[in-house]
């Protein structure tokens, strides 16, 4: 079992699509109902079935790290709560993202350095390869795509001003999100999201 995987490259937070998948998950669909919603009804509104299937699989795995209470919040709450819950799910689903926030982003923040840089990513992946040999086998295009998606996720969650500048803008966790994570003993997600403050 590898520590890190590249699955996160299939999509950033995708809040609109995530809301739709969360709503579908709340209906406890069997495989036939899931397939019908994604491939026939095309609830994610993708141009091809393959794209819909790929994104739906990613979002289902990501959202499955949370429970029905969080899915309900994702379908009903304002974008700040939704994006922070989606970030928590992404962190739980991808240790690559979580460790990058916990180690690289938080370190930059502590040193009062204003931006992330591509060199941060290169150094981080070198360190990851010491813990998981599979990382060294990733192609350069995979590594670049992963960095692009992680930067986009951090920008969507308001941890970066925008993907281009990569300027750090750590938000405060919404009380509802903090309360949910604490009550579910989500210590790793909390550490990743709050150490970056």
N, C-alpha and C. Protein backbone atom coordinates (compact mmCIF):
# COMPACT_ATOMS: atom_id res chain seq x y z
N UNK A 1 0.85 -1.20 0.00
CA UNK A 1 0.00 0.00 0.00
C UNK A 1 0.88 1.24 0.00
N UNK A 2 0.65 2.13 -0.95
CA UNK A 2 1.44 3.35 -1.00
C UNK A 2 0.85 4.38 -0.05
N UNK A 3 1.73 5.26 0.46
CA UNK A 3 1.30 6.33 1.35
C UNK A 3 0.62 7.43 0.55
N UNK A 4 1.21 7.74 -0.59
CA UNK A 4 0.71 8.84 -1.41
C UNK A 4 0.14 8.29 -2.73
N UNK A 5 -0.93 8.92 -3.21
CA UNK A 5 -1.43 8.53 -4.53
C UNK A 5 -1.71 9.78 -5.35
N UNK A 6 -1.79 9.59 -6.66
CA UNK A 6 -1.95 10.72 -7.57
C UNK A 6 -3.41 10.94 -7.96
N UNK A 7 -4.32 10.29 -7.26
CA UNK A 7 -5.74 10.34 -7.64
C UNK A 7 -6.31 11.76 -7.59
N UNK A 8 -5.75 12.59 -6.72
CA UNK A 8 -6.25 13.96 -6.57
C UNK A 8 -6.13 14.76 -7.88
N UNK A 9 -5.28 14.29 -8.79
CA UNK A 9 -5.10 15.01 -10.06
C UNK A 9 -6.37 14.99 -10.91
N UNK A 10 -7.35 14.15 -10.56
CA UNK A 10 -8.60 14.08 -11.34
C UNK A 10 -9.51 15.29 -11.13
N UNK A 11 -9.22 16.13 -10.13
CA UNK A 11 -10.06 17.31 -9.96
C UNK A 11 -9.80 18.07 -8.68
N UNK A 12 -10.07 19.38 -8.72
CA UNK A 12 -9.91 20.21 -7.53
C UNK A 12 -11.14 20.04 -6.64
N UNK A 13 -11.55 21.07 -5.90
CA UNK A 13 -12.66 20.90 -4.95
C UNK A 13 -14.01 20.66 -5.64
N UNK A 14 -14.18 21.24 -6.84
CA UNK A 14 -15.40 21.01 -7.62
C UNK A 14 -16.67 21.18 -6.77
N UNK A 15 -16.88 22.37 -6.18
CA UNK A 15 -17.99 22.52 -5.25
C UNK A 15 -19.37 22.24 -5.84
N UNK A 16 -19.63 22.69 -7.07
CA UNK A 16 -20.95 22.47 -7.68
C UNK A 16 -21.19 20.97 -7.86
N UNK A 17 -20.21 20.28 -8.44
CA UNK A 17 -20.34 18.84 -8.65
C UNK A 17 -20.40 18.09 -7.32
N UNK A 18 -19.63 18.57 -6.34
CA UNK A 18 -19.61 17.91 -5.03
C UNK A 18 -20.97 18.02 -4.34
N UNK A 19 -21.62 19.16 -4.49
CA UNK A 19 -22.98 19.32 -3.92
C UNK A 19 -23.92 18.28 -4.51
N UNK A 20 -23.81 18.09 -5.82
CA UNK A 20 -24.70 17.13 -6.50
C UNK A 20 -24.40 15.70 -6.07
N UNK A 21 -23.12 15.38 -5.93
CA UNK A 21 -22.76 14.02 -5.49
C UNK A 21 -23.18 13.81 -4.04
N UNK A 22 -23.00 14.84 -3.19
CA UNK A 22 -23.42 14.73 -1.78
C UNK A 22 -24.93 14.47 -1.69
N UNK A 23 -25.69 15.18 -2.51
CA UNK A 23 -27.14 15.00 -2.52
C UNK A 23 -27.50 13.58 -2.96
N UNK A 24 -26.78 13.09 -3.95
CA UNK A 24 -27.01 11.72 -4.42
C UNK A 24 -26.65 10.71 -3.33
N UNK A 25 -25.53 10.92 -2.64
CA UNK A 25 -25.11 10.01 -1.58
C UNK A 25 -26.13 9.97 -0.43
N UNK A 26 -26.77 11.10 -0.17
CA UNK A 26 -27.79 11.15 0.89
C UNK A 26 -28.98 10.25 0.58
N UNK A 27 -29.19 9.96 -0.71
CA UNK A 27 -30.30 9.07 -1.09
C UNK A 27 -29.90 7.59 -0.99
N UNK A 28 -28.66 7.33 -0.55
CA UNK A 28 -28.14 5.96 -0.40
C UNK A 28 -28.36 5.12 -1.66
N UNK A 29 -27.83 5.58 -2.79
CA UNK A 29 -28.09 4.88 -4.04
C UNK A 29 -27.38 3.53 -4.12
N UNK A 30 -28.03 2.55 -4.74
CA UNK A 30 -27.30 1.32 -5.05
C UNK A 30 -26.49 1.58 -6.32
N UNK A 31 -25.72 0.60 -6.76
CA UNK A 31 -24.84 0.84 -7.92
C UNK A 31 -25.62 1.21 -9.18
N UNK A 32 -26.78 0.60 -9.37
CA UNK A 32 -27.59 0.89 -10.56
C UNK A 32 -28.08 2.34 -10.53
N UNK A 33 -28.55 2.78 -9.36
CA UNK A 33 -29.04 4.16 -9.22
C UNK A 33 -27.90 5.16 -9.39
N UNK A 34 -26.73 4.82 -8.83
CA UNK A 34 -25.55 5.68 -8.97
C UNK A 34 -25.19 5.83 -10.44
N UNK A 35 -25.08 4.70 -11.12
CA UNK A 35 -24.70 4.71 -12.54
C UNK A 35 -25.71 5.49 -13.38
N UNK A 36 -26.98 5.31 -13.09
CA UNK A 36 -28.02 6.02 -13.84
C UNK A 36 -27.89 7.53 -13.64
N UNK A 37 -27.69 7.95 -12.40
CA UNK A 37 -27.58 9.39 -12.10
C UNK A 37 -26.37 10.01 -12.79
N UNK A 38 -25.25 9.30 -12.77
CA UNK A 38 -24.00 9.84 -13.33
C UNK A 38 -23.97 9.74 -14.85
N UNK A 39 -24.36 8.59 -15.38
CA UNK A 39 -24.16 8.33 -16.81
C UNK A 39 -25.37 8.66 -17.68
N UNK A 40 -26.58 8.50 -17.14
CA UNK A 40 -27.78 8.75 -17.95
C UNK A 40 -28.33 10.16 -17.68
N UNK A 41 -28.62 10.44 -16.40
CA UNK A 41 -29.10 11.79 -16.06
C UNK A 41 -28.01 12.84 -16.21
N UNK A 42 -26.74 12.39 -16.14
CA UNK A 42 -25.58 13.28 -16.27
C UNK A 42 -25.67 14.45 -15.28
N UNK A 43 -25.86 14.12 -13.99
CA UNK A 43 -26.04 15.17 -12.98
C UNK A 43 -24.82 16.07 -12.83
N UNK A 44 -23.66 15.59 -13.28
CA UNK A 44 -22.46 16.45 -13.21
C UNK A 44 -22.31 17.32 -14.45
N UNK A 45 -23.19 17.11 -15.43
CA UNK A 45 -23.22 17.90 -16.67
C UNK A 45 -21.86 17.92 -17.38
N UNK A 46 -21.32 16.73 -17.60
CA UNK A 46 -20.05 16.59 -18.31
C UNK A 46 -20.30 16.21 -19.76
N UNK A 47 -19.33 16.54 -20.63
CA UNK A 47 -19.53 16.30 -22.05
C UNK A 47 -19.43 14.83 -22.43
N UNK A 48 -18.64 14.07 -21.68
CA UNK A 48 -18.52 12.65 -21.99
C UNK A 48 -18.82 11.81 -20.76
N UNK A 49 -19.28 10.60 -21.01
CA UNK A 49 -19.56 9.66 -19.91
C UNK A 49 -18.28 9.35 -19.15
N UNK A 50 -17.16 9.22 -19.89
CA UNK A 50 -15.88 8.89 -19.25
C UNK A 50 -15.48 9.97 -18.24
N UNK A 51 -15.64 11.25 -18.62
CA UNK A 51 -15.30 12.35 -17.71
C UNK A 51 -16.23 12.34 -16.50
N UNK A 52 -17.52 12.16 -16.75
CA UNK A 52 -18.50 12.12 -15.66
C UNK A 52 -18.16 10.99 -14.69
N UNK A 53 -17.84 9.83 -15.24
CA UNK A 53 -17.53 8.67 -14.41
C UNK A 53 -16.27 8.92 -13.57
N UNK A 54 -15.24 9.50 -14.22
CA UNK A 54 -13.96 9.74 -13.53
C UNK A 54 -14.14 10.74 -12.37
N UNK A 55 -14.83 11.86 -12.66
CA UNK A 55 -15.04 12.85 -11.60
C UNK A 55 -15.96 12.33 -10.50
N UNK A 56 -16.98 11.62 -10.88
CA UNK A 56 -17.91 11.07 -9.88
C UNK A 56 -17.20 10.09 -8.96
N UNK A 57 -16.30 9.28 -9.52
CA UNK A 57 -15.54 8.32 -8.71
C UNK A 57 -14.66 9.06 -7.71
N UNK A 58 -13.95 10.09 -8.19
CA UNK A 58 -13.10 10.89 -7.30
C UNK A 58 -13.94 11.50 -6.17
N UNK A 59 -15.05 12.15 -6.53
CA UNK A 59 -15.86 12.86 -5.53
C UNK A 59 -16.52 11.88 -4.56
N UNK A 60 -16.91 10.72 -5.06
CA UNK A 60 -17.51 9.73 -4.17
C UNK A 60 -16.49 9.25 -3.13
N UNK A 61 -15.28 8.97 -3.59
CA UNK A 61 -14.22 8.53 -2.67
C UNK A 61 -13.88 9.63 -1.67
N UNK A 62 -13.82 10.85 -2.18
CA UNK A 62 -13.50 11.99 -1.31
C UNK A 62 -14.60 12.20 -0.27
N UNK A 63 -15.85 12.27 -0.73
CA UNK A 63 -16.97 12.54 0.18
C UNK A 63 -17.23 11.36 1.13
N UNK A 64 -16.83 10.17 0.73
CA UNK A 64 -17.02 9.00 1.61
C UNK A 64 -16.14 9.07 2.85
N UNK A 65 -15.18 10.00 2.89
CA UNK A 65 -14.38 10.19 4.10
C UNK A 65 -15.16 10.98 5.15
N UNK A 66 -16.30 11.55 4.73
CA UNK A 66 -17.18 12.28 5.65
C UNK A 66 -18.45 11.45 5.86
N UNK A 67 -19.40 11.99 6.64
CA UNK A 67 -20.63 11.25 6.89
C UNK A 67 -21.84 12.04 6.39
N UNK A 68 -23.02 11.49 6.64
CA UNK A 68 -24.26 12.11 6.13
C UNK A 68 -24.47 13.52 6.69
N UNK A 69 -24.03 13.78 7.92
CA UNK A 69 -24.16 15.13 8.48
C UNK A 69 -23.39 16.14 7.62
N UNK A 70 -22.17 15.78 7.24
CA UNK A 70 -21.37 16.66 6.39
C UNK A 70 -21.97 16.78 5.00
N UNK A 71 -22.46 15.67 4.45
CA UNK A 71 -23.10 15.74 3.12
C UNK A 71 -24.27 16.71 3.13
N UNK A 72 -25.05 16.66 4.21
CA UNK A 72 -26.19 17.57 4.34
C UNK A 72 -25.71 19.02 4.36
N UNK A 73 -24.65 19.28 5.13
CA UNK A 73 -24.09 20.63 5.19
C UNK A 73 -23.59 21.08 3.81
N UNK A 74 -22.98 20.16 3.08
CA UNK A 74 -22.46 20.49 1.75
C UNK A 74 -23.60 20.84 0.79
N UNK A 75 -24.75 20.19 0.94
CA UNK A 75 -25.87 20.49 0.04
C UNK A 75 -26.59 21.79 0.42
N UNK A 76 -26.48 22.20 1.69
CA UNK A 76 -27.33 23.30 2.18
C UNK A 76 -26.59 24.59 2.54
N UNK A 77 -25.33 24.50 2.94
CA UNK A 77 -24.67 25.67 3.53
C UNK A 77 -24.04 26.58 2.50
N UNK A 78 -23.56 27.74 2.99
CA UNK A 78 -22.92 28.73 2.13
C UNK A 78 -21.54 28.24 1.66
N UNK A 79 -21.02 28.91 0.64
CA UNK A 79 -19.81 28.41 -0.03
C UNK A 79 -18.61 28.29 0.90
N UNK A 80 -18.46 29.17 1.89
CA UNK A 80 -17.32 29.08 2.80
C UNK A 80 -17.33 27.74 3.55
N UNK A 81 -18.48 27.37 4.08
CA UNK A 81 -18.62 26.09 4.79
C UNK A 81 -18.40 24.92 3.83
N UNK A 82 -19.03 25.01 2.67
CA UNK A 82 -18.92 23.93 1.68
C UNK A 82 -17.46 23.71 1.29
N UNK A 83 -16.77 24.79 0.92
CA UNK A 83 -15.38 24.64 0.46
C UNK A 83 -14.46 24.14 1.56
N UNK A 84 -14.70 24.57 2.79
CA UNK A 84 -13.85 24.09 3.89
C UNK A 84 -14.12 22.61 4.19
N UNK A 85 -15.36 22.20 4.12
CA UNK A 85 -15.66 20.76 4.30
C UNK A 85 -15.07 19.94 3.15
N UNK A 86 -15.15 20.47 1.95
CA UNK A 86 -14.58 19.77 0.80
C UNK A 86 -13.06 19.69 0.93
N UNK A 87 -12.44 20.74 1.48
CA UNK A 87 -11.00 20.70 1.72
C UNK A 87 -10.67 19.63 2.76
N UNK A 88 -11.46 19.57 3.82
CA UNK A 88 -11.25 18.53 4.85
C UNK A 88 -11.35 17.13 4.22
N UNK A 89 -12.35 16.93 3.36
CA UNK A 89 -12.52 15.64 2.69
C UNK A 89 -11.33 15.34 1.78
N UNK A 90 -10.87 16.37 1.07
CA UNK A 90 -9.73 16.19 0.16
C UNK A 90 -8.46 15.84 0.94
N UNK A 91 -8.28 16.47 2.09
CA UNK A 91 -7.12 16.19 2.96
C UNK A 91 -7.18 14.75 3.48
N UNK A 92 -8.39 14.33 3.88
CA UNK A 92 -8.54 12.96 4.39
C UNK A 92 -8.32 11.92 3.27
N UNK A 93 -8.72 12.29 2.07
CA UNK A 93 -8.60 11.39 0.93
C UNK A 93 -7.18 11.37 0.37
N UNK A 94 -6.46 12.48 0.50
CA UNK A 94 -5.13 12.60 -0.09
C UNK A 94 -4.12 13.08 0.94
N UNK A 95 -3.31 12.15 1.43
CA UNK A 95 -2.26 12.55 2.38
C UNK A 95 -1.25 13.47 1.71
N UNK A 96 -1.13 13.37 0.39
CA UNK A 96 -0.22 14.25 -0.34
C UNK A 96 -0.63 15.71 -0.11
N UNK A 97 -1.91 16.01 -0.27
CA UNK A 97 -2.42 17.36 -0.02
C UNK A 97 -2.26 17.74 1.45
N UNK A 98 -2.67 16.84 2.34
CA UNK A 98 -2.62 17.14 3.77
C UNK A 98 -1.21 17.43 4.24
N UNK A 99 -0.27 16.57 3.85
CA UNK A 99 1.11 16.78 4.29
C UNK A 99 1.72 18.02 3.67
N UNK A 100 1.34 18.34 2.44
CA UNK A 100 1.84 19.58 1.82
C UNK A 100 1.37 20.79 2.62
N UNK A 101 0.10 20.78 3.05
CA UNK A 101 -0.41 21.89 3.87
C UNK A 101 0.28 21.93 5.23
N UNK A 102 0.40 20.77 5.83
CA UNK A 102 0.91 20.66 7.20
C UNK A 102 2.40 21.01 7.29
N UNK A 103 3.15 20.62 6.25
CA UNK A 103 4.60 20.79 6.30
C UNK A 103 5.07 22.01 5.52
N UNK A 104 4.66 22.13 4.27
CA UNK A 104 5.19 23.21 3.42
C UNK A 104 4.44 24.52 3.65
N UNK A 105 3.11 24.49 3.50
CA UNK A 105 2.33 25.72 3.64
C UNK A 105 2.51 26.30 5.05
N UNK A 106 2.37 25.48 6.07
CA UNK A 106 2.48 25.95 7.45
C UNK A 106 3.87 26.51 7.73
N UNK A 107 4.89 25.89 7.14
CA UNK A 107 6.26 26.36 7.33
C UNK A 107 6.45 27.74 6.70
N UNK A 108 5.93 27.92 5.51
CA UNK A 108 5.99 29.24 4.85
C UNK A 108 5.29 30.29 5.71
N UNK A 109 4.14 29.91 6.23
CA UNK A 109 3.35 30.82 7.06
C UNK A 109 4.12 31.22 8.32
N UNK A 110 4.72 30.23 8.96
CA UNK A 110 5.49 30.48 10.19
C UNK A 110 6.64 31.44 9.94
N UNK A 111 7.28 31.28 8.78
CA UNK A 111 8.43 32.12 8.45
C UNK A 111 8.03 33.47 7.87
N UNK A 112 6.72 33.70 7.80
CA UNK A 112 6.18 34.94 7.23
C UNK A 112 6.63 35.14 5.79
N UNK A 113 6.77 34.02 5.07
CA UNK A 113 7.10 34.10 3.65
C UNK A 113 5.78 34.19 2.88
N UNK A 114 5.66 35.14 1.96
CA UNK A 114 4.34 35.45 1.41
C UNK A 114 3.78 34.49 0.37
N UNK A 115 4.63 33.70 -0.30
CA UNK A 115 4.16 32.90 -1.43
C UNK A 115 4.67 31.46 -1.37
N UNK A 116 3.92 30.58 -2.01
CA UNK A 116 4.44 29.26 -2.34
C UNK A 116 5.23 29.38 -3.64
N UNK A 117 6.15 28.45 -3.87
CA UNK A 117 6.90 28.45 -5.13
C UNK A 117 6.97 27.02 -5.67
N UNK A 118 7.20 26.88 -6.98
CA UNK A 118 7.36 25.53 -7.55
C UNK A 118 8.50 24.74 -6.88
N UNK A 119 9.52 25.45 -6.39
CA UNK A 119 10.62 24.77 -5.71
C UNK A 119 10.14 24.08 -4.43
N UNK A 120 9.16 24.71 -3.74
CA UNK A 120 8.57 24.07 -2.55
C UNK A 120 8.03 22.69 -2.91
N UNK A 121 7.35 22.63 -4.04
CA UNK A 121 6.74 21.37 -4.49
C UNK A 121 7.80 20.34 -4.82
N UNK A 122 8.85 20.77 -5.52
CA UNK A 122 9.94 19.87 -5.89
C UNK A 122 10.59 19.29 -4.63
N UNK A 123 10.90 20.14 -3.67
CA UNK A 123 11.53 19.68 -2.42
C UNK A 123 10.61 18.75 -1.64
N UNK A 124 9.33 19.09 -1.62
CA UNK A 124 8.34 18.27 -0.91
C UNK A 124 8.25 16.87 -1.53
N UNK A 125 8.20 16.80 -2.86
CA UNK A 125 8.12 15.49 -3.53
C UNK A 125 9.38 14.66 -3.30
N UNK A 126 10.53 15.32 -3.26
CA UNK A 126 11.79 14.62 -2.96
C UNK A 126 11.70 13.97 -1.59
N UNK A 127 11.16 14.72 -0.62
CA UNK A 127 10.98 14.20 0.74
C UNK A 127 9.95 13.06 0.75
N UNK A 128 8.85 13.23 0.01
CA UNK A 128 7.82 12.18 -0.07
C UNK A 128 8.39 10.87 -0.60
N UNK A 129 9.29 10.98 -1.57
CA UNK A 129 9.88 9.79 -2.19
C UNK A 129 10.70 8.98 -1.19
N UNK A 130 11.20 9.64 -0.14
CA UNK A 130 11.93 8.91 0.92
C UNK A 130 10.98 8.03 1.73
N UNK A 131 9.71 8.45 1.81
CA UNK A 131 8.71 7.71 2.60
C UNK A 131 7.90 6.73 1.75
N UNK A 132 7.84 7.01 0.45
CA UNK A 132 7.04 6.19 -0.46
C UNK A 132 7.74 6.15 -1.82
N UNK A 133 8.41 5.04 -2.09
CA UNK A 133 9.23 4.93 -3.30
C UNK A 133 8.43 5.14 -4.59
N UNK A 134 7.12 4.88 -4.54
CA UNK A 134 6.29 5.04 -5.75
C UNK A 134 6.30 6.47 -6.28
N UNK A 135 6.51 7.44 -5.39
CA UNK A 135 6.50 8.86 -5.81
C UNK A 135 7.61 9.12 -6.83
N UNK A 136 8.75 8.48 -6.65
CA UNK A 136 9.88 8.68 -7.56
C UNK A 136 9.56 8.21 -8.98
N UNK A 137 8.57 7.32 -9.11
CA UNK A 137 8.21 6.78 -10.43
C UNK A 137 7.19 7.63 -11.17
N UNK A 138 6.64 8.65 -10.49
CA UNK A 138 5.67 9.51 -11.18
C UNK A 138 6.35 10.28 -12.30
N UNK A 139 5.65 10.45 -13.42
CA UNK A 139 6.21 11.21 -14.54
C UNK A 139 6.23 12.70 -14.19
N UNK A 140 7.04 13.44 -14.92
CA UNK A 140 7.10 14.89 -14.68
C UNK A 140 5.75 15.54 -14.93
N UNK A 141 5.01 15.03 -15.94
CA UNK A 141 3.69 15.61 -16.23
C UNK A 141 2.71 15.35 -15.09
N UNK A 142 2.80 14.16 -14.47
CA UNK A 142 1.94 13.85 -13.31
C UNK A 142 2.28 14.77 -12.15
N UNK A 143 3.57 14.95 -11.88
CA UNK A 143 4.00 15.84 -10.79
C UNK A 143 3.51 17.27 -11.02
N UNK A 144 3.63 17.73 -12.26
CA UNK A 144 3.19 19.10 -12.58
C UNK A 144 1.67 19.24 -12.44
N UNK A 145 0.93 18.24 -12.89
CA UNK A 145 -0.53 18.25 -12.79
C UNK A 145 -0.97 18.24 -11.32
N UNK A 146 -0.31 17.44 -10.51
CA UNK A 146 -0.64 17.38 -9.08
C UNK A 146 -0.43 18.74 -8.42
N UNK A 147 0.68 19.39 -8.74
CA UNK A 147 0.94 20.71 -8.15
C UNK A 147 -0.13 21.71 -8.59
N UNK A 148 -0.48 21.66 -9.88
CA UNK A 148 -1.51 22.55 -10.42
C UNK A 148 -2.84 22.36 -9.68
N UNK A 149 -3.24 21.11 -9.46
CA UNK A 149 -4.51 20.82 -8.79
C UNK A 149 -4.46 21.23 -7.32
N UNK A 150 -3.35 20.95 -6.64
CA UNK A 150 -3.23 21.33 -5.23
C UNK A 150 -3.26 22.84 -5.06
N UNK A 151 -2.59 23.56 -5.93
CA UNK A 151 -2.62 25.03 -5.88
C UNK A 151 -4.05 25.53 -6.11
N UNK A 152 -4.76 24.91 -7.06
CA UNK A 152 -6.15 25.32 -7.34
C UNK A 152 -7.04 25.03 -6.13
N UNK A 153 -6.85 23.87 -5.49
CA UNK A 153 -7.62 23.54 -4.28
C UNK A 153 -7.37 24.58 -3.19
N UNK A 154 -6.12 24.93 -2.98
CA UNK A 154 -5.79 25.91 -1.92
C UNK A 154 -6.36 27.29 -2.25
N UNK A 155 -6.41 27.63 -3.53
CA UNK A 155 -7.02 28.91 -3.92
C UNK A 155 -8.53 28.87 -3.73
N UNK A 156 -9.17 27.77 -4.11
CA UNK A 156 -10.63 27.63 -3.94
C UNK A 156 -11.02 27.69 -2.47
N UNK A 157 -10.16 27.15 -1.60
CA UNK A 157 -10.45 27.14 -0.16
C UNK A 157 -9.98 28.42 0.53
N UNK A 158 -9.47 29.37 -0.27
CA UNK A 158 -9.02 30.69 0.22
C UNK A 158 -7.73 30.61 1.05
N UNK A 159 -6.93 29.58 0.83
CA UNK A 159 -5.62 29.50 1.47
C UNK A 159 -4.56 30.19 0.61
N UNK A 160 -4.89 30.41 -0.66
CA UNK A 160 -4.04 31.19 -1.56
C UNK A 160 -4.91 32.26 -2.21
N UNK A 161 -4.29 33.41 -2.48
CA UNK A 161 -5.05 34.51 -3.11
C UNK A 161 -5.57 34.09 -4.48
N UNK A 162 -4.70 33.48 -5.27
CA UNK A 162 -5.11 32.92 -6.56
C UNK A 162 -4.02 31.96 -7.04
N UNK A 163 -4.33 31.11 -8.01
CA UNK A 163 -3.34 30.12 -8.45
C UNK A 163 -2.09 30.74 -9.07
N UNK A 164 -2.21 31.92 -9.65
CA UNK A 164 -1.07 32.51 -10.33
C UNK A 164 -0.05 33.09 -9.35
N UNK A 165 -0.53 33.91 -8.40
CA UNK A 165 0.41 34.56 -7.47
C UNK A 165 0.89 33.59 -6.38
N UNK A 166 0.05 32.60 -6.06
CA UNK A 166 0.34 31.65 -4.97
C UNK A 166 0.64 32.39 -3.65
N UNK A 167 0.03 33.55 -3.49
CA UNK A 167 0.20 34.33 -2.25
C UNK A 167 -0.64 33.72 -1.14
N UNK A 168 -0.03 33.51 0.02
CA UNK A 168 -0.70 32.87 1.15
C UNK A 168 -1.75 33.81 1.76
N UNK A 169 -2.97 33.29 1.92
CA UNK A 169 -4.05 34.06 2.57
C UNK A 169 -4.85 33.12 3.46
N UNK A 170 -4.23 32.62 4.55
CA UNK A 170 -4.92 31.60 5.36
C UNK A 170 -6.21 32.12 5.98
N UNK A 171 -7.31 31.40 5.76
CA UNK A 171 -8.59 31.83 6.32
C UNK A 171 -8.77 31.33 7.75
N UNK A 172 -9.78 31.83 8.41
CA UNK A 172 -10.17 31.25 9.69
C UNK A 172 -11.17 30.14 9.39
N UNK A 173 -11.03 29.05 10.11
CA UNK A 173 -12.00 27.97 9.92
C UNK A 173 -13.37 28.43 10.39
N UNK A 174 -14.38 28.17 9.59
CA UNK A 174 -15.75 28.51 9.97
C UNK A 174 -16.11 27.70 11.22
N UNK A 175 -16.79 28.34 12.21
CA UNK A 175 -17.13 27.63 13.45
C UNK A 175 -17.87 26.31 13.21
N UNK A 176 -18.75 26.27 12.22
CA UNK A 176 -19.50 25.04 11.94
C UNK A 176 -18.58 23.92 11.46
N UNK A 177 -17.57 24.30 10.68
CA UNK A 177 -16.61 23.30 10.17
C UNK A 177 -15.71 22.83 11.30
N UNK A 178 -15.22 23.77 12.11
CA UNK A 178 -14.37 23.39 13.24
C UNK A 178 -15.13 22.47 14.20
N UNK A 179 -16.38 22.83 14.47
CA UNK A 179 -17.21 22.03 15.37
C UNK A 179 -17.42 20.62 14.82
N UNK A 180 -17.72 20.52 13.53
CA UNK A 180 -17.91 19.21 12.91
C UNK A 180 -16.63 18.37 13.02
N UNK A 181 -15.49 18.96 12.66
CA UNK A 181 -14.23 18.21 12.67
C UNK A 181 -13.84 17.79 14.08
N UNK A 182 -14.05 18.68 15.04
CA UNK A 182 -13.71 18.34 16.44
C UNK A 182 -14.61 17.23 16.97
N UNK A 183 -15.90 17.34 16.69
CA UNK A 183 -16.84 16.34 17.22
C UNK A 183 -16.62 14.96 16.59
N UNK A 184 -15.97 14.93 15.42
CA UNK A 184 -15.68 13.66 14.75
C UNK A 184 -14.22 13.24 14.93
N UNK A 185 -13.52 13.96 15.82
CA UNK A 185 -12.12 13.64 16.14
C UNK A 185 -11.23 13.60 14.90
N UNK A 186 -11.46 14.57 14.02
CA UNK A 186 -10.68 14.64 12.77
C UNK A 186 -9.40 15.45 13.02
N UNK A 187 -8.52 14.88 13.85
CA UNK A 187 -7.33 15.63 14.28
C UNK A 187 -6.38 15.95 13.13
N UNK A 188 -6.20 15.00 12.21
CA UNK A 188 -5.27 15.24 11.09
C UNK A 188 -5.78 16.38 10.21
N UNK A 189 -7.07 16.33 9.85
CA UNK A 189 -7.64 17.40 9.02
C UNK A 189 -7.55 18.75 9.72
N UNK A 190 -7.86 18.77 11.00
CA UNK A 190 -7.76 20.02 11.77
C UNK A 190 -6.34 20.55 11.79
N UNK A 191 -5.39 19.64 11.99
CA UNK A 191 -3.99 20.07 12.03
C UNK A 191 -3.58 20.66 10.69
N UNK A 192 -3.95 19.99 9.61
CA UNK A 192 -3.60 20.48 8.27
C UNK A 192 -4.23 21.85 8.01
N UNK A 193 -5.48 22.02 8.41
CA UNK A 193 -6.22 23.25 8.08
C UNK A 193 -5.95 24.40 9.05
N UNK A 194 -5.61 24.08 10.30
CA UNK A 194 -5.42 25.15 11.27
C UNK A 194 -3.96 25.51 11.50
N UNK A 195 -3.06 24.59 11.28
CA UNK A 195 -1.64 24.96 11.43
C UNK A 195 -1.23 25.96 10.39
N UNK A 196 -2.01 26.00 9.32
CA UNK A 196 -1.71 26.92 8.23
C UNK A 196 -2.15 28.35 8.55
N UNK A 197 -2.61 28.58 9.78
CA UNK A 197 -3.07 29.92 10.14
C UNK A 197 -1.94 30.75 10.72
